[in-house]
């Protein structure tokens, strides 16, 4: 669960990427001693004192009209809008500049909590260099060194202190599903078909829906939250700043949903970008239903649905567990097939298997097909346990986790699906050495 978003902003070459990498404890941003290296926003998740937040590294802001500066400034403004807390990083070695004053005014207008950090304070002899930054009117500056890690703990403490409290889940007890897909596949039309009223703008212009829109509705005695998201474009083809903002919103919608409806466009067929969108939900370990929309535009015979199903299975091999629905959102046809599927996948997400029954299935699977020896050793499962649901996680206590080949893991997963269903739900299989 993400508790909030933190953006690191500042003028070029003050060490934003170095501090970003230090906070993440991994090398994500490109660090180079020249301005303008980070032109786009870069994201990472950071945990400190039980709080997890999304960290954004941004390009440097400056007044001068240099190449890409307008694009960089626009990206930074979006990062500021997304952020709950902003780290304003300055350069203690170079001293305060007109760009720093310009950025300070920009941040004051944002009305967001701002932490003023002075970088490149590598030892105590340079501490006096931070005092001129009081003139920016942003409170007490924190001395840090991204290169040496000095003051990073104090900076993280301040971030956690200013992080907003996580709000109580207002949708508790409801089934939350996100409608995702590339632009113009009919996501908003599908949402409207669920709601039976025009609660979301429907348009053939790509990118009409900029942010995720949550709507609560009731049907068949259940309460649902449908999250309509903006179309997700391929990263390399996202030119508009608002579209990049939409991608982040879509990812956030996937994070807070129980399951995702991956919408495909029947009028154009499957394209590479559909796989990228579906991969976001798969990687997030959410329940998945594949919705083949605009079914009314497809020329059909008695084999059309079977052939398209085969093509979907071929193109989305990693989603072989996901049910497929064929609908026409615009005409409202076959929409009634979706809610029962959503109910089924949600039930499977929260399914718990009795340990004794689980171990009977695992034992029968091993007896029917023992693992093949590897380097003279054979993988053996002693017992298994389901440790969590949503998603289902099965721990196999074994002789040696290194001996579990992916093909045998796949075999065990298939046996679990045969025995317990789990349609629409990913299964995490974790091998652990049996305690002595």
Protein backbone atom coordinates (compact mmCIF):
# COMPACT_ATOMS: atom_id res chain seq x y z
CA UNK A 1 0.00 0.00 0.00
CA UNK A 2 1.38 3.39 -1.03
CA UNK A 3 1.05 5.99 1.75
CA UNK A 4 1.82 9.00 -0.42
CA UNK A 5 3.96 10.58 -3.12
CA UNK A 6 7.16 12.61 -2.71
CA UNK A 7 8.74 14.70 -5.48
CA UNK A 8 12.36 15.87 -5.51
CA UNK A 9 12.68 19.20 -7.34
CA UNK A 10 15.46 21.74 -7.83
CA UNK A 11 17.58 23.45 -10.46
CA UNK A 12 19.92 21.41 -12.68
CA UNK A 13 23.00 19.68 -11.32
CA UNK A 14 22.24 19.98 -7.59
CA UNK A 15 22.33 16.20 -7.12
CA UNK A 16 18.62 15.27 -7.26
CA UNK A 17 19.25 11.90 -8.89
CA UNK A 18 22.02 11.06 -6.40
CA UNK A 19 19.73 11.80 -3.46
CA UNK A 20 16.90 9.90 -5.19
CA UNK A 21 19.12 6.82 -5.58
CA UNK A 22 20.37 7.15 -2.00
CA UNK A 23 16.80 7.26 -0.65
CA UNK A 24 15.84 4.20 -2.71
CA UNK A 25 19.12 2.47 -1.82
CA UNK A 26 19.51 1.47 -5.46
CA UNK A 27 20.75 3.02 -8.68
CA UNK A 28 17.68 3.98 -10.70
CA UNK A 29 18.27 7.49 -12.02
CA UNK A 30 21.20 8.29 -14.30
CA UNK A 31 23.78 10.23 -12.31
CA UNK A 32 26.09 12.42 -14.40
CA UNK A 33 27.84 15.68 -13.64
CA UNK A 34 26.09 17.72 -16.31
CA UNK A 35 22.79 19.59 -16.27
CA UNK A 36 19.67 18.27 -17.99
CA UNK A 37 20.44 14.54 -17.74
CA UNK A 38 17.08 13.78 -16.11
CA UNK A 39 14.58 15.20 -18.57
CA UNK A 40 11.60 13.12 -17.53
CA UNK A 41 10.13 12.02 -14.23
CA UNK A 42 11.51 8.78 -12.79
CA UNK A 43 9.60 6.82 -10.13
CA UNK A 44 10.53 4.43 -7.35
CA UNK A 45 8.96 3.11 -4.15
CA UNK A 46 10.72 3.85 -0.86
CA UNK A 47 9.97 2.50 2.64
CA UNK A 48 11.05 4.23 5.84
CA UNK A 49 9.70 3.68 9.38
CA UNK A 50 6.83 1.49 8.12
CA UNK A 51 5.70 4.14 5.60
CA UNK A 52 5.90 3.39 1.89
CA UNK A 53 5.73 6.21 -0.60
CA UNK A 54 6.29 6.79 -4.29
CA UNK A 55 9.40 8.88 -4.90
CA UNK A 56 9.67 11.04 -8.05
CA UNK A 57 12.96 12.30 -9.48
CA UNK A 58 12.51 15.27 -11.81
CA UNK A 59 14.49 17.29 -14.32
CA UNK A 60 16.11 20.53 -13.22
CA UNK A 61 14.07 23.76 -13.28
CA UNK A 62 15.75 26.91 -14.54
CA UNK A 63 14.74 30.31 -15.85
CA UNK A 64 17.03 30.23 -18.91
CA UNK A 65 15.50 29.07 -22.19
CA UNK A 66 17.65 26.03 -22.91
CA UNK A 67 16.81 22.92 -24.98
CA UNK A 68 13.93 20.88 -23.52
CA UNK A 69 13.49 23.36 -20.65
CA UNK A 70 9.79 23.97 -21.33
CA UNK A 71 9.17 20.23 -21.40
CA UNK A 72 11.18 19.71 -18.20
CA UNK A 73 9.34 22.49 -16.38
CA UNK A 74 5.99 21.04 -17.45
CA UNK A 75 7.00 17.61 -16.16
CA UNK A 76 8.09 19.12 -12.84
CA UNK A 77 4.78 20.95 -12.49
CA UNK A 78 2.97 17.64 -12.95
CA UNK A 79 5.22 16.01 -10.34
CA UNK A 80 4.43 18.84 -7.91
CA UNK A 81 0.73 18.35 -8.55
CA UNK A 82 1.02 14.60 -7.88
CA UNK A 83 3.12 14.99 -4.73
CA UNK A 84 1.90 15.00 -1.13
CA UNK A 85 5.34 16.20 0.06
CA UNK A 86 8.02 18.04 -1.95
CA UNK A 87 11.77 17.95 -1.32
CA UNK A 88 13.37 21.14 -2.64
CA UNK A 89 17.03 20.24 -3.17
CA UNK A 90 19.64 22.99 -3.42
CA UNK A 91 23.43 23.06 -3.85
CA UNK A 92 25.35 24.17 -0.75
CA UNK A 93 28.62 24.16 -2.64
CA UNK A 94 27.45 26.51 -5.42
CA UNK A 95 25.31 28.74 -3.19
CA UNK A 96 21.86 30.21 -3.69
CA UNK A 97 20.86 31.38 -7.18
CA UNK A 98 18.05 33.19 -8.97
CA UNK A 99 16.75 29.78 -10.06
CA UNK A 100 16.45 28.73 -6.40
CA UNK A 101 14.38 31.83 -5.63
CA UNK A 102 12.18 31.19 -8.68
CA UNK A 103 11.59 27.56 -7.59
CA UNK A 104 10.85 28.64 -4.00
CA UNK A 105 8.07 30.97 -5.21
CA UNK A 106 6.70 28.16 -7.42
CA UNK A 107 6.58 25.78 -4.46
CA UNK A 108 4.98 28.33 -2.15
CA UNK A 109 2.16 28.73 -4.66
CA UNK A 110 1.61 24.95 -4.68
CA UNK A 111 0.45 25.02 -1.02
CA UNK A 112 2.16 21.62 -0.54
CA UNK A 113 4.43 20.71 2.40
CA UNK A 114 8.00 21.52 1.34
CA UNK A 115 11.25 20.22 2.85
CA UNK A 116 14.25 22.43 2.05
CA UNK A 117 17.40 20.29 1.73
CA UNK A 118 20.88 21.64 1.03
CA UNK A 119 23.00 19.03 -0.76
CA UNK A 120 26.79 18.56 -1.02
CA UNK A 121 27.39 19.35 2.68
CA UNK A 122 30.01 16.63 2.90
CA UNK A 123 31.43 17.46 6.34
CA UNK A 124 30.86 19.71 9.36
CA UNK A 125 33.13 22.43 8.01
CA UNK A 126 30.53 23.18 5.31
CA UNK A 127 27.52 23.44 7.64
CA UNK A 128 27.66 27.25 7.57
CA UNK A 129 26.84 27.09 3.84
CA UNK A 130 23.19 26.24 4.60
CA UNK A 131 22.30 29.47 6.43
CA UNK A 132 21.82 31.68 3.35
CA UNK A 133 18.94 29.41 2.34
CA UNK A 134 16.80 30.69 5.23
CA UNK A 135 16.18 33.68 2.94
CA UNK A 136 13.93 31.48 0.76
CA UNK A 137 11.30 31.48 3.50
CA UNK A 138 10.79 27.71 3.47
CA UNK A 139 11.76 26.96 7.05
CA UNK A 140 14.81 25.21 8.48
CA UNK A 141 17.06 23.69 5.80
CA UNK A 142 18.37 20.13 6.27
CA UNK A 143 22.04 19.55 5.42
CA UNK A 144 22.57 16.41 3.31
CA UNK A 145 25.15 14.73 1.14
CA UNK A 146 23.72 12.43 -1.50
CA UNK A 147 27.17 11.10 -2.36
CA UNK A 148 28.09 10.15 1.22
CA UNK A 149 24.60 9.54 2.64
CA UNK A 150 24.95 12.23 5.29
CA UNK A 151 21.62 13.59 6.58
CA UNK A 152 19.50 11.24 4.45
CA UNK A 153 17.98 9.68 7.59
CA UNK A 154 16.96 13.14 8.86
CA UNK A 155 15.46 13.88 5.46
CA UNK A 156 13.46 10.63 5.48
CA UNK A 157 12.27 11.30 9.03
CA UNK A 158 10.93 14.68 7.90
CA UNK A 159 9.21 13.10 4.90
CA UNK A 160 7.42 10.61 7.16
CA UNK A 161 6.47 13.40 9.57
CA UNK A 162 4.81 15.42 6.79
CA UNK A 163 3.23 12.46 5.01
CA UNK A 164 -0.57 12.65 5.20
CA UNK A 165 -2.31 9.96 7.21
CA UNK A 166 -3.72 7.15 5.15
CA UNK A 167 -7.47 7.66 4.91
CA UNK A 168 -9.89 4.99 6.08
CA UNK A 169 -10.99 2.81 3.20
CA UNK A 170 -14.34 4.30 2.24
CA UNK A 171 -15.01 1.36 -0.08
CA UNK A 172 -14.59 -1.37 2.53
CA UNK A 173 -16.77 -4.36 1.77
CA UNK A 174 -17.30 -3.35 -1.86
CA UNK A 175 -15.93 -5.10 -4.95
CA UNK A 176 -13.51 -2.69 -6.64
CA UNK A 177 -12.70 -3.18 -10.29
CA UNK A 178 -10.70 -0.95 -12.64
CA UNK A 179 -11.49 -0.59 -16.34
CA UNK A 180 -8.14 -0.36 -18.11
CA UNK A 181 -6.91 -0.38 -21.68
CA UNK A 182 -5.19 1.67 -24.34
CA UNK A 183 -6.95 4.83 -25.54
CA UNK A 184 -10.22 4.61 -27.45
CA UNK A 185 -11.09 0.96 -26.76
CA UNK A 186 -14.40 1.89 -25.13
CA UNK A 187 -13.58 2.02 -21.41
CA UNK A 188 -15.91 4.90 -20.62
CA UNK A 189 -18.70 3.33 -22.69
CA UNK A 190 -18.26 0.13 -20.71
CA UNK A 191 -18.43 2.04 -17.43
CA UNK A 192 -21.63 3.75 -18.57
CA UNK A 193 -23.09 0.38 -19.55
CA UNK A 194 -22.53 -0.85 -16.00
CA UNK A 195 -24.08 2.28 -14.52
CA UNK A 196 -26.91 2.48 -17.06
CA UNK A 197 -26.49 6.26 -17.08
CA UNK A 198 -24.00 8.73 -18.54
CA UNK A 199 -21.88 9.37 -15.47
CA UNK A 200 -18.62 9.51 -17.48
CA UNK A 201 -17.89 11.52 -20.66
CA UNK A 202 -17.93 9.25 -23.71
CA UNK A 203 -15.99 10.42 -26.76
CA UNK A 204 -14.08 8.99 -29.69
CA UNK A 205 -11.20 11.41 -29.00
CA UNK A 206 -8.29 9.50 -27.45
CA UNK A 207 -7.48 10.55 -23.91
CA UNK A 208 -10.86 12.14 -23.06
CA UNK A 209 -10.76 10.64 -19.56
CA UNK A 210 -7.74 12.24 -17.88
CA UNK A 211 -8.05 10.91 -14.32
CA UNK A 212 -9.47 7.79 -12.74
CA UNK A 213 -13.15 8.27 -11.88
CA UNK A 214 -14.70 6.16 -9.08
CA UNK A 215 -18.40 5.38 -9.12
CA UNK A 216 -20.27 3.22 -6.59
CA UNK A 217 -23.26 1.19 -7.76
CA UNK A 218 -25.35 -1.74 -6.58
CA UNK A 219 -26.47 -4.82 -8.49
CA UNK A 220 -27.67 -8.30 -7.55
CA UNK A 221 -27.33 -7.53 -3.85
CA UNK A 222 -23.64 -6.55 -4.12
CA UNK A 223 -21.98 -3.12 -4.00
CA UNK A 224 -19.31 -2.32 -6.57
CA UNK A 225 -16.83 0.46 -7.24
CA UNK A 226 -16.00 0.88 -10.92
CA UNK A 227 -12.81 2.85 -11.59
CA UNK A 228 -12.70 4.26 -15.10
CA UNK A 229 -9.12 5.12 -16.09
CA UNK A 230 -7.52 7.15 -18.83
CA UNK A 231 -6.17 5.28 -21.82
CA UNK A 232 -2.63 4.00 -21.30
CA UNK A 233 -0.21 4.76 -24.11
CA UNK A 234 3.11 3.03 -24.71
CA UNK A 235 5.82 4.79 -22.71
CA UNK A 236 7.87 5.72 -25.77
CA UNK A 237 4.85 7.28 -27.48
CA UNK A 238 3.53 9.36 -24.59
CA UNK A 239 4.20 12.86 -25.80
CA UNK A 240 1.58 14.91 -23.99
CA UNK A 241 2.27 15.69 -20.36
CA UNK A 242 -1.35 15.01 -19.48
CA UNK A 243 -1.04 11.54 -20.99
CA UNK A 244 1.94 10.75 -18.75
CA UNK A 245 -0.13 11.94 -15.82
CA UNK A 246 -2.88 9.55 -16.96
CA UNK A 247 -0.49 6.58 -16.97
CA UNK A 248 0.38 7.25 -13.33
CA UNK A 249 -3.31 7.55 -12.46
CA UNK A 250 -4.05 4.26 -14.22
CA UNK A 251 -1.30 2.50 -12.27
CA UNK A 252 -2.68 3.99 -9.05
CA UNK A 253 -6.16 2.74 -9.99
CA UNK A 254 -4.78 -0.76 -10.51
CA UNK A 255 -3.08 -0.60 -7.11
CA UNK A 256 -6.36 0.11 -5.30
CA UNK A 257 -8.65 -2.23 -7.22
CA UNK A 258 -9.34 -5.88 -6.49
CA UNK A 259 -9.49 -6.87 -10.12
CA UNK A 260 -9.04 -5.27 -13.53
CA UNK A 261 -11.06 -5.49 -16.71
CA UNK A 262 -8.55 -5.38 -19.56
CA UNK A 263 -10.51 -3.94 -22.48
CA UNK A 264 -9.55 -4.89 -26.04
CA UNK A 265 -10.88 -3.25 -29.22
CA UNK A 266 -12.68 -5.71 -31.48
CA UNK A 267 -12.65 -3.25 -34.37
CA UNK A 268 -8.85 -3.12 -34.53
CA UNK A 269 -7.87 -6.44 -32.98
CA UNK A 270 -5.00 -7.04 -30.58
CA UNK A 271 -1.93 -4.83 -30.81
CA UNK A 272 1.32 -4.79 -28.85
CA UNK A 273 0.14 -2.01 -26.56
CA UNK A 274 -2.70 -4.20 -25.26
CA UNK A 275 -0.07 -6.58 -23.84
CA UNK A 276 1.66 -3.70 -22.07
CA UNK A 277 -1.62 -2.62 -20.44
CA UNK A 278 -2.53 -6.14 -19.39
CA UNK A 279 0.97 -6.61 -17.99
CA UNK A 280 0.39 -3.78 -15.51
CA UNK A 281 -2.49 -5.67 -13.91
CA UNK A 282 -0.67 -9.01 -14.06
CA UNK A 283 2.47 -7.57 -12.45
CA UNK A 284 0.34 -6.01 -9.70
CA UNK A 285 -1.05 -9.50 -8.90
CA UNK A 286 -4.64 -8.43 -9.42
CA UNK A 287 -7.56 -10.48 -10.63
CA UNK A 288 -8.01 -10.09 -14.40
CA UNK A 289 -10.90 -10.40 -16.84
CA UNK A 290 -10.23 -9.84 -20.54
CA UNK A 291 -13.08 -7.92 -22.19
CA UNK A 292 -13.21 -8.07 -25.99
CA UNK A 293 -15.26 -4.93 -26.70
CA UNK A 294 -16.98 -3.66 -29.89
CA UNK A 295 -18.13 -7.20 -30.62
CA UNK A 296 -20.84 -5.68 -32.82
CA UNK A 297 -18.19 -4.46 -35.29
CA UNK A 298 -16.76 -7.95 -35.87
CA UNK A 299 -17.89 -10.02 -38.86
CA UNK A 300 -18.90 -13.32 -37.32
CA UNK A 301 -19.58 -16.92 -38.18
CA UNK A 302 -19.93 -19.98 -35.93
CA UNK A 303 -16.14 -20.20 -35.40
CA UNK A 304 -15.32 -16.51 -34.83
CA UNK A 305 -15.51 -16.53 -31.03
CA UNK A 306 -13.47 -19.75 -30.80
CA UNK A 307 -10.79 -18.41 -33.16
CA UNK A 308 -10.51 -15.05 -31.35
CA UNK A 309 -10.31 -16.86 -28.00
CA UNK A 310 -7.39 -18.91 -29.35
CA UNK A 311 -5.68 -15.74 -30.57
CA UNK A 312 -6.12 -14.03 -27.20
CA UNK A 313 -4.66 -17.07 -25.43
CA UNK A 314 -1.73 -17.02 -27.86
CA UNK A 315 -1.05 -13.30 -27.40
CA UNK A 316 -1.61 -13.26 -23.62
CA UNK A 317 0.07 -16.49 -22.54
CA UNK A 318 0.75 -15.11 -19.06
CA UNK A 319 -2.99 -14.48 -18.58
CA UNK A 320 -4.18 -17.99 -19.39
CA UNK A 321 -6.07 -17.94 -16.07
CA UNK A 322 -8.17 -14.89 -17.07
CA UNK A 323 -11.75 -15.44 -18.30
CA UNK A 324 -12.71 -13.78 -21.59
CA UNK A 325 -15.95 -11.89 -22.23
CA UNK A 326 -17.21 -10.65 -25.60
CA UNK A 327 -19.34 -7.50 -25.32
CA UNK A 328 -20.56 -4.41 -27.11
CA UNK A 329 -20.51 -1.63 -24.54
CA UNK A 330 -21.95 0.94 -26.92
CA UNK A 331 -24.95 -1.23 -27.75
CA UNK A 332 -25.19 -2.70 -24.25
CA UNK A 333 -24.97 -6.25 -25.56
CA UNK A 334 -23.66 -9.14 -23.41
CA UNK A 335 -22.88 -6.70 -20.57
CA UNK A 336 -24.90 -8.96 -18.26
CA UNK A 337 -22.14 -11.60 -18.60
CA UNK A 338 -19.60 -9.38 -16.81
CA UNK A 339 -20.96 -8.97 -13.28
CA UNK A 340 -21.18 -12.75 -12.66
CA UNK A 341 -17.56 -13.02 -13.85
CA UNK A 342 -16.53 -10.15 -11.55
CA UNK A 343 -18.26 -11.88 -8.63
CA UNK A 344 -16.52 -15.16 -9.46
CA UNK A 345 -13.05 -13.63 -9.72
CA UNK A 346 -13.55 -11.67 -6.49
CA UNK A 347 -14.64 -14.87 -4.71
CA UNK A 348 -11.56 -16.66 -6.05
CA UNK A 349 -9.31 -13.80 -4.94
CA UNK A 350 -10.45 -14.30 -1.37
CA UNK A 351 -10.60 -18.09 -1.45
CA UNK A 352 -8.87 -19.96 1.39
CA UNK A 353 -7.90 -23.61 1.02
CA UNK A 354 -7.94 -25.94 4.01
CA UNK A 355 -4.36 -27.06 4.65
CA UNK A 356 -5.19 -30.77 4.76
CA UNK A 357 -7.05 -30.59 1.43
CA UNK A 358 -4.23 -28.57 -0.15
CA UNK A 359 -1.66 -31.15 0.90
CA UNK A 360 -3.74 -34.01 -0.50
CA UNK A 361 -3.66 -32.29 -3.92
CA UNK A 362 0.09 -31.61 -3.68
CA UNK A 363 0.80 -35.23 -2.67
CA UNK A 364 -1.33 -36.62 -5.52
CA UNK A 365 0.44 -34.26 -7.97
CA UNK A 366 3.88 -35.52 -6.86
CA UNK A 367 2.83 -39.17 -7.04
CA UNK A 368 1.37 -38.70 -10.54
CA UNK A 369 4.40 -36.81 -11.83
CA UNK A 370 7.52 -36.66 -9.60
CA UNK A 371 10.02 -33.89 -10.32
CA UNK A 372 12.87 -34.94 -12.57
CA UNK A 373 16.32 -35.15 -10.94
CA UNK A 374 18.65 -32.18 -11.38
CA UNK A 375 22.41 -32.72 -10.82
CA UNK A 376 21.59 -35.97 -9.09
CA UNK A 377 19.05 -34.39 -6.74
CA UNK A 378 15.26 -34.52 -6.91
CA UNK A 379 12.93 -31.73 -5.77
CA UNK A 380 10.59 -32.94 -3.05
CA UNK A 381 7.68 -31.14 -1.38
CA UNK A 382 7.08 -32.16 2.23
CA UNK A 383 3.99 -30.04 2.87
CA UNK A 384 2.29 -26.87 1.66
CA UNK A 385 0.33 -24.00 3.15
CA UNK A 386 -1.68 -21.08 1.81
CA UNK A 387 -0.26 -18.05 3.61
CA UNK A 388 -2.42 -15.33 2.05
CA UNK A 389 -5.23 -14.54 -0.35
CA UNK A 390 -5.75 -11.65 -2.78
CA UNK A 391 -3.56 -12.83 -4.37
CA UNK A 392 -3.35 -16.47 -3.40
CA UNK A 393 0.14 -17.34 -2.14
CA UNK A 394 1.10 -20.97 -1.62
CA UNK A 395 4.32 -21.85 0.21
CA UNK A 396 5.87 -25.21 -0.65
CA UNK A 397 8.13 -26.45 2.15
CA UNK A 398 10.71 -28.57 0.39
CA UNK A 399 14.18 -30.11 0.52
CA UNK A 400 15.86 -27.45 -1.65
CA UNK A 401 14.13 -24.41 -3.24
CA UNK A 402 16.89 -24.21 -5.88
CA UNK A 403 15.71 -27.52 -7.35
CA UNK A 404 12.24 -26.20 -8.26
CA UNK A 405 12.26 -25.85 -12.05
CA UNK A 406 9.81 -23.35 -13.55
CA UNK A 407 8.17 -26.14 -15.58
CA UNK A 408 7.43 -28.15 -12.44
CA UNK A 409 6.18 -25.01 -10.69
CA UNK A 410 3.83 -24.53 -13.65
CA UNK A 411 2.70 -28.14 -13.30
CA UNK A 412 1.88 -27.63 -9.60
CA UNK A 413 -0.01 -24.43 -10.42
CA UNK A 414 -2.08 -26.23 -13.06
CA UNK A 415 -2.96 -28.99 -10.56
CA UNK A 416 -4.04 -26.35 -8.04
CA UNK A 417 -6.27 -24.73 -10.66
CA UNK A 418 -7.76 -28.11 -11.63
CA UNK A 419 -8.59 -28.82 -7.99
CA UNK A 420 -9.69 -25.40 -6.72
CA UNK A 421 -10.57 -23.27 -9.75
CA UNK A 422 -8.94 -19.88 -9.15
CA UNK A 423 -10.29 -18.60 -12.48
CA UNK A 424 -9.17 -15.00 -13.04
CA UNK A 425 -6.67 -15.08 -10.19
CA UNK A 426 -2.85 -15.27 -10.23
CA UNK A 427 -1.26 -17.85 -7.93
CA UNK A 428 2.06 -17.10 -6.24
CA UNK A 429 4.08 -20.21 -5.52
CA UNK A 430 6.98 -19.79 -3.10
CA UNK A 431 9.44 -22.61 -2.34
CA UNK A 432 11.08 -22.63 1.10
CA UNK A 433 13.41 -25.08 2.73
CA UNK A 434 11.65 -27.13 5.39
CA UNK A 435 12.69 -26.08 8.90
CA UNK A 436 14.99 -28.58 10.52
